[in-house]
Protein backbone atom coordinates (compact mmCIF):
# COMPACT_ATOMS: atom_id res chain seq x y z
CA MET A 1 48.68 2.70 -7.15
CA ASN A 2 50.44 -0.39 -8.36
CA ASP A 3 51.38 -1.44 -12.14
CA TYR A 4 51.95 -4.76 -13.52
CA LYS A 5 54.99 -4.71 -15.82
CA ALA A 6 57.32 -7.01 -17.91
CA LEU A 7 61.13 -6.52 -18.20
CA THR A 8 62.46 -8.04 -21.48
CA SER A 9 65.91 -9.64 -22.20
CA PHE A 10 67.18 -12.14 -24.79
CA ALA A 11 69.16 -14.91 -23.36
CA LYS A 12 70.10 -18.13 -23.76
CA ILE A 13 68.86 -20.72 -21.16
CA LYS A 14 71.52 -23.08 -20.40
CA PRO A 15 71.20 -26.29 -19.37
CA LEU A 16 73.93 -27.34 -16.29
CA GLU A 17 72.90 -31.04 -15.75
CA LYS A 18 69.83 -33.43 -17.16
CA LEU A 19 69.08 -34.85 -13.41
CA ASN A 20 66.90 -38.01 -14.70
CA ASP A 21 64.45 -38.16 -17.39
CA LYS A 22 62.22 -36.03 -16.41
CA PHE A 23 64.19 -33.04 -15.12
CA THR A 24 66.78 -31.05 -16.09
CA LEU A 25 68.43 -27.85 -14.10
CA ALA A 26 69.21 -24.99 -15.94
CA GLU A 27 70.47 -21.47 -15.85
CA CYS A 28 68.07 -18.41 -16.86
CA ALA A 29 68.62 -14.92 -17.21
CA VAL A 30 65.90 -12.63 -15.02
CA CYS A 31 66.87 -9.30 -15.50
CA ALA A 32 69.37 -6.85 -16.68
CA CYS A 33 70.78 -3.92 -13.82
CA GLY A 34 70.85 -0.10 -14.89
CA LYS A 35 68.85 0.49 -18.12
CA ASN A 36 66.57 -2.15 -19.89
CA ARG A 37 65.18 -2.74 -23.25
CA ASN A 38 61.67 -1.73 -22.51
CA PHE A 39 62.85 2.03 -20.81
CA PHE A 40 63.21 0.97 -17.14
CA TYR A 41 65.84 1.43 -15.01
CA LEU A 42 66.84 -1.01 -12.11
CA ALA A 43 69.71 -0.78 -9.40
CA LYS A 44 71.29 -3.48 -8.59
CA GLU A 45 70.45 -2.89 -4.62
CA THR A 46 66.55 -2.73 -5.92
CA ILE A 47 66.92 -6.03 -7.66
CA GLU A 48 68.57 -7.26 -4.15
CA ASN A 49 65.92 -6.38 -2.07
CA GLY A 50 62.95 -8.40 -4.04
CA LEU A 51 65.12 -11.91 -4.66
CA SER A 52 62.86 -14.04 -2.14
CA ASP A 53 59.97 -13.02 -4.13
CA LEU A 54 61.88 -15.68 -6.78
CA ASP A 55 61.66 -18.73 -4.54
CA TYR A 56 60.03 -21.27 -6.56
CA LEU A 57 58.77 -19.30 -9.05
CA PRO A 58 56.92 -21.19 -12.28
CA ILE A 59 58.40 -20.62 -15.45
CA VAL A 60 55.70 -20.69 -18.28
CA ALA A 61 55.95 -20.91 -22.10
CA HIS A 62 53.43 -21.27 -24.87
CA LEU A 63 55.08 -24.00 -27.43
CA MET A 64 52.96 -24.14 -30.65
CA LYS A 65 53.19 -25.94 -33.53
CA LYS A 66 53.05 -24.25 -37.22
CA GLU A 67 50.20 -24.67 -38.54
CA ASP A 68 51.91 -26.21 -42.01
CA GLY A 69 53.50 -28.33 -39.19
CA SER A 70 56.82 -27.52 -40.50
CA GLY A 71 58.24 -26.85 -37.02
CA TYR A 72 57.14 -24.94 -33.48
CA TYR A 73 57.06 -21.43 -32.37
CA ILE A 74 57.27 -20.28 -28.96
CA GLY A 75 54.41 -17.54 -28.42
CA GLY A 76 54.11 -14.73 -25.59
CA HIS A 77 51.32 -14.02 -23.19
CA ASP A 78 49.09 -15.78 -25.15
CA TYR A 79 45.42 -16.03 -24.01
CA THR A 80 42.18 -17.48 -25.48
CA LEU A 81 38.70 -15.41 -24.95
CA GLU A 82 35.95 -17.50 -23.67
CA VAL A 83 32.93 -14.96 -23.85
CA ASP A 84 29.55 -15.84 -22.20
CA GLY A 85 27.49 -13.23 -22.44
CA ASN A 86 28.38 -9.91 -20.61
CA THR A 87 31.39 -12.27 -19.27
CA VAL A 88 34.55 -12.25 -20.99
CA LYS A 89 37.34 -14.74 -19.48
CA TYR A 90 40.81 -14.37 -20.08
CA ILE A 91 42.56 -18.13 -20.10
CA PRO A 92 46.08 -18.49 -20.30
CA GLU A 93 47.53 -20.60 -22.89
CA THR A 94 51.09 -20.70 -21.30
CA GLN A 95 51.50 -23.49 -19.69
CA ILE A 96 54.40 -23.89 -16.43
CA VAL A 97 57.66 -25.89 -17.92
CA GLY A 98 59.63 -25.14 -14.84
CA CYS A 99 60.34 -23.22 -11.69
CA VAL A 100 63.05 -21.20 -9.99
CA ILE A 101 65.20 -23.25 -7.32
CA ALA A 102 65.00 -21.20 -3.85
CA ASN A 103 67.86 -19.03 -3.09
CA SER A 104 69.90 -19.37 -6.52
CA SER A 105 70.03 -16.23 -7.74
CA GLU A 106 73.57 -14.81 -8.39
CA PHE A 107 74.81 -11.50 -10.40
CA LYS A 108 76.43 -11.94 -13.26
CA GLU A 109 78.36 -10.31 -16.49
CA ILE A 110 77.12 -11.71 -19.99
CA GLU A 111 77.86 -10.62 -23.13
CA GLU A 112 74.87 -8.95 -24.96
CA PHE A 113 74.77 -7.21 -28.74
CA GLY A 114 78.21 -6.90 -28.68
CA LYS A 115 78.50 -5.23 -24.70
CA LYS A 116 78.85 -6.57 -21.04
CA VAL A 117 75.84 -6.25 -18.83
CA THR A 118 75.04 -7.45 -15.19
CA TYR A 119 72.16 -9.78 -14.90
CA LEU A 120 70.46 -11.36 -12.33
CA MET A 121 70.59 -14.76 -13.50
CA CYS A 122 68.93 -17.78 -11.29
CA LYS A 123 69.30 -21.29 -11.58
CA CYS A 124 66.10 -23.70 -12.07
CA ILE A 125 64.44 -27.25 -12.92
CA LEU A 126 62.85 -27.64 -16.13
CA TYR A 127 60.23 -30.53 -17.16
CA THR A 128 62.39 -32.51 -19.61
CA GLU A 129 59.79 -35.02 -20.16
CA HIS A 130 56.97 -32.17 -19.74
CA ILE A 131 57.82 -30.38 -22.87
CA PRO A 132 60.73 -32.68 -24.85
CA THR A 133 60.63 -29.84 -27.87
CA LEU A 134 61.28 -27.08 -25.80
CA MET A 135 64.51 -28.65 -24.09
CA ASP A 136 65.23 -29.70 -27.74
CA ALA A 137 65.93 -26.33 -28.15
CA ILE A 138 67.23 -25.03 -25.08
CA TYR A 139 69.99 -27.51 -26.19
CA ASN A 140 70.59 -26.39 -29.09
CA GLU A 141 73.64 -23.70 -29.22
CA ASN A 142 71.71 -21.50 -31.88
CA VAL A 143 68.52 -21.03 -30.04
CA TRP A 144 68.13 -17.54 -28.02
CA PHE A 145 64.80 -16.75 -26.68
CA ASN A 146 63.24 -13.50 -25.57
CA GLN A 147 62.01 -13.87 -21.71
CA SER A 148 59.86 -11.51 -19.75
CA MET A 149 59.63 -11.45 -16.05
CA GLU A 150 56.41 -10.14 -14.40
CA MET A 151 57.27 -7.41 -11.93
CA GLU A 152 54.28 -5.43 -9.47
CA ILE A 153 55.66 -2.08 -9.85
CA GLY A 154 55.61 0.29 -6.48
CA GLU A 155 57.45 3.88 -6.22
CA THR A 156 59.11 4.93 -9.42
CA ARG A 157 60.30 7.95 -10.84
CA PRO A 158 61.85 9.32 -13.86
CA LEU A 159 65.94 8.62 -13.97
CA GLU A 160 67.61 11.83 -12.92
CA GLU A 161 70.73 11.29 -15.82
CA ASP A 162 68.03 10.49 -18.79
CA SER A 163 64.50 11.13 -17.87
CA ASN A 164 63.67 8.77 -21.22
CA TYR A 165 63.74 5.56 -18.34
CA CYS A 166 61.39 5.38 -15.32
CA GLU A 167 63.36 3.88 -12.23
CA ILE A 168 62.12 1.40 -10.50
CA LEU A 169 62.60 1.57 -6.55
CA GLU A 170 60.26 -0.51 -5.71
CA PHE A 171 58.97 -4.03 -6.59
CA LYS A 172 58.07 -7.68 -6.36
CA PHE A 173 58.78 -10.01 -8.49
CA ASP A 174 54.93 -11.35 -9.98
CA THR A 175 53.37 -14.54 -11.02
CA GLN A 176 55.84 -16.31 -13.61
CA LEU A 177 59.04 -16.03 -15.62
CA LEU A 178 57.90 -16.21 -18.87
CA ILE A 179 59.89 -17.65 -22.17
CA GLU A 180 58.43 -16.04 -25.41
CA GLY A 181 58.74 -15.07 -28.62
CA HIS A 182 61.43 -17.05 -31.29
CA ASP A 183 60.71 -19.18 -34.12
CA LEU A 184 62.21 -22.64 -33.92
CA ASP A 185 62.91 -23.98 -37.04
CA GLU A 186 62.45 -27.85 -37.16
CA ASP A 187 65.69 -28.23 -38.39
CA GLU A 188 66.64 -26.24 -35.09
CA ILE A 189 65.46 -29.08 -32.37
CA ASN A 190 66.21 -32.05 -34.45
């Protein structure tokens, strides 16, 4: 039976070029080759087999204003529950903030916590006009994000050299790339 999981990365969304007042070309990390923070292992060859699933994948975020009005923060896979009798609906709170550009992925070595890690990177178009406060944060060099990539996982096995990790042998990129979980202080985005 297939399972849905998210791979998390801690990465900077890097703006590359402001295309116009509405759109910005950017680059973001999708997933790391090898051991990932949530105890999954992905071989580069396994990732390469799923690259076409990334084409035009939506990028979503849940940007929220702090209750005291002092700034913004980004949630995660946030939902509102709507109960009607015996029926419960999950209503996503995230909104689309961009999409992945087709055939734009490449592997790059980036420094993460003091060591070099190979990441699958892709180019994306972000809706600058749609969420200006998110764009302010993306242009701020001091603001980093957690990101998660939804995957439909097929075949797996314990990683031979470290059974604490589950080796993913077959998967599909699914649904969305989520920008999540970093507090944004007012001075960080102004």
